[in-house]
Amino acid sequence: MQMIDYALKYAQRGWAVFPLKERDKSPITAHGFIDATTDTTQIKSWWVKHPNANIGIATGDISGGLVRSRSEERRVGKECRS
């Protein structure tokens, strides 16, 4: 699978995505996470221009409340081991 395929899959799940520079966390778009979308036409346009772009996922309401942090993962992991 290519990056565009993953970006489209994430959008299908309701996660708003935006392109990041290849091997970097810097946004390619002018407004970064504010440009995030689930619109497949826009996503295809971005990844056709930048096929190796990393995928940024906007957190919060735009992505259905999606928020995940490393500390949360550690806490949840500890709870699972208890």
C-alpha atoms as a PDB file:
ATOM      1  CA  MET A   1       0.000   0.000   0.000  1.00  0.00           C
ATOM      2  CA  GLN A   2       1.064   3.553  -0.665  1.00  0.00           C
ATOM      3  CA  MET A   3       0.705   6.590   1.588  1.00  0.00           C
ATOM      4  CA  ILE A   4      -2.340   7.797  -0.338  1.00  0.00           C
ATOM      5  CA  ASP A   5      -4.079   4.498   0.419  1.00  0.00           C
ATOM      6  CA  TYR A   6      -3.477   4.917   4.141  1.00  0.00           C
ATOM      7  CA  ALA A   7      -4.600   8.562   4.050  1.00  0.00           C
ATOM      8  CA  LEU A   8      -7.844   7.546   2.335  1.00  0.00           C
ATOM      9  CA  LYS A   9      -8.404   4.707   4.827  1.00  0.00           C
ATOM     10  CA  TYR A  10      -7.975   7.103   7.738  1.00  0.00           C
ATOM     11  CA  ALA A  11     -10.415   9.530   6.126  1.00  0.00           C
ATOM     12  CA  GLN A  12     -12.902   6.681   5.705  1.00  0.00           C
ATOM     13  CA  ARG A  13     -12.725   6.169   9.466  1.00  0.00           C
ATOM     14  CA  GLY A  14     -13.635   9.822   9.918  1.00  0.00           C
ATOM     15  CA  TRP A  15     -10.112  10.983  10.755  1.00  0.00           C
ATOM     16  CA  ALA A  16      -9.253  14.310   9.103  1.00  0.00           C
ATOM     17  CA  VAL A  17      -5.814  14.104   7.465  1.00  0.00           C
ATOM     18  CA  PHE A  18      -3.284  16.513   5.992  1.00  0.00           C
ATOM     19  CA  PRO A  19       0.104  15.973   4.298  1.00  0.00           C
ATOM     20  CA  LEU A  20       3.396  16.340   6.127  1.00  0.00           C
ATOM     21  CA  LYS A  21       6.827  16.711   4.565  1.00  0.00           C
ATOM     22  CA  GLU A  22       8.479  13.406   3.757  1.00  0.00           C
ATOM     23  CA  ARG A  23      10.421  12.047   6.757  1.00  0.00           C
ATOM     24  CA  ASP A  24       9.335  15.090   8.760  1.00  0.00           C
ATOM     25  CA  LYS A  25       6.460  16.332  10.894  1.00  0.00           C
ATOM     26  CA  SER A  26       6.182  19.730   9.192  1.00  0.00           C
ATOM     27  CA  PRO A  27       2.946  20.354   7.268  1.00  0.00           C
ATOM     28  CA  ILE A  28       3.044  20.796   3.516  1.00  0.00           C
ATOM     29  CA  THR A  29      -0.153  22.846   3.421  1.00  0.00           C
ATOM     30  CA  ALA A  30      -0.231  26.539   4.258  1.00  0.00           C
ATOM     31  CA  HIS A  31      -2.359  26.111   7.379  1.00  0.00           C
ATOM     32  CA  GLY A  32      -1.221  22.698   8.606  1.00  0.00           C
ATOM     33  CA  PHE A  33      -3.779  20.841  10.739  1.00  0.00           C
ATOM     34  CA  ILE A  34      -6.376  23.538  10.000  1.00  0.00           C
ATOM     35  CA  ASP A  35      -6.402  22.230   6.394  1.00  0.00           C
ATOM     36  CA  ALA A  36      -7.105  18.666   7.577  1.00  0.00           C
ATOM     37  CA  THR A  37     -10.046  17.003   5.833  1.00  0.00           C
ATOM     38  CA  THR A  38     -11.833  13.750   5.116  1.00  0.00           C
ATOM     39  CA  ASP A  39     -12.653  14.941   1.572  1.00  0.00           C
ATOM     40  CA  THR A  40     -11.276  12.257  -0.743  1.00  0.00           C
ATOM     41  CA  THR A  41     -10.883  14.628  -3.703  1.00  0.00           C
ATOM     42  CA  GLN A  42      -8.640  16.944  -1.674  1.00  0.00           C
ATOM     43  CA  ILE A  43      -6.683  14.046  -0.188  1.00  0.00           C
ATOM     44  CA  LYS A  44      -6.057  12.551  -3.630  1.00  0.00           C
ATOM     45  CA  SER A  45      -4.927  15.950  -4.919  1.00  0.00           C
ATOM     46  CA  TRP A  46      -2.401  16.352  -2.091  1.00  0.00           C
ATOM     47  CA  TRP A  47      -0.927  12.861  -2.422  1.00  0.00           C
ATOM     48  CA  VAL A  48      -0.778  12.958  -6.226  1.00  0.00           C
ATOM     49  CA  LYS A  49       1.424  16.068  -5.844  1.00  0.00           C
ATOM     50  CA  HIS A  50       3.347  14.639  -2.864  1.00  0.00           C
ATOM     51  CA  PRO A  51       3.197  10.812  -3.091  1.00  0.00           C
ATOM     52  CA  ASN A  52       5.705  10.245  -0.284  1.00  0.00           C
ATOM     53  CA  ALA A  53       4.202  12.741   2.143  1.00  0.00           C
ATOM     54  CA  ASN A  54       3.724  11.574   5.696  1.00  0.00           C
ATOM     55  CA  ILE A  55       0.202  11.664   7.084  1.00  0.00           C
ATOM     56  CA  GLY A  56      -0.898  14.093   9.759  1.00  0.00           C
ATOM     57  CA  ILE A  57      -4.158  13.403  11.565  1.00  0.00           C
ATOM     58  CA  ALA A  58      -5.975  16.298  13.184  1.00  0.00           C
ATOM     59  CA  THR A  59      -7.138  15.539  16.700  1.00  0.00           C
ATOM     60  CA  GLY A  60     -10.272  16.657  18.475  1.00  0.00           C
ATOM     61  CA  ASP A  61     -13.811  17.128  17.225  1.00  0.00           C
ATOM     62  CA  ILE A  62     -12.872  17.181  13.521  1.00  0.00           C
ATOM     63  CA  SER A  63     -11.709  13.561  13.854  1.00  0.00           C
ATOM     64  CA  GLY A  64     -14.455  12.386  16.164  1.00  0.00           C
ATOM     65  CA  GLY A  65     -12.608  13.282  19.354  1.00  0.00           C
ATOM     66  CA  LEU A  66      -9.499  11.288  18.403  1.00  0.00           C
ATOM     67  CA  VAL A  67      -6.678  12.086  20.819  1.00  0.00           C
ATOM     68  CA  ARG A  68      -3.867   9.773  21.809  1.00  0.00           C
ATOM     69  CA  SER A  69      -0.757  10.558  23.803  1.00  0.00           C
ATOM     70  CA  ARG A  70       2.256   8.503  24.782  1.00  0.00           C
ATOM     71  CA  SER A  71       1.517   9.041  28.478  1.00  0.00           C
ATOM     72  CA  GLU A  72      -2.038   7.789  27.930  1.00  0.00           C
ATOM     73  CA  GLU A  73      -0.680   4.674  26.213  1.00  0.00           C
ATOM     74  CA  ARG A  74       1.638   4.025  29.174  1.00  0.00           C
ATOM     75  CA  ARG A  75      -1.191   4.526  31.674  1.00  0.00           C
ATOM     76  CA  VAL A  76      -3.546   2.252  29.755  1.00  0.00           C
ATOM     77  CA  GLY A  77      -0.788  -0.314  29.424  1.00  0.00           C
ATOM     78  CA  LYS A  78      -0.232  -0.326  33.202  1.00  0.00           C
ATOM     79  CA  GLU A  79      -3.952  -0.747  33.811  1.00  0.00           C
ATOM     80  CA  CYS A  80      -4.027  -3.710  31.438  1.00  0.00           C
ATOM     81  CA  ARG A  81      -1.187  -5.411  33.302  1.00  0.00           C
ATOM     82  CA  SER A  82      -2.882  -4.938  36.700  1.00  0.00           C
END
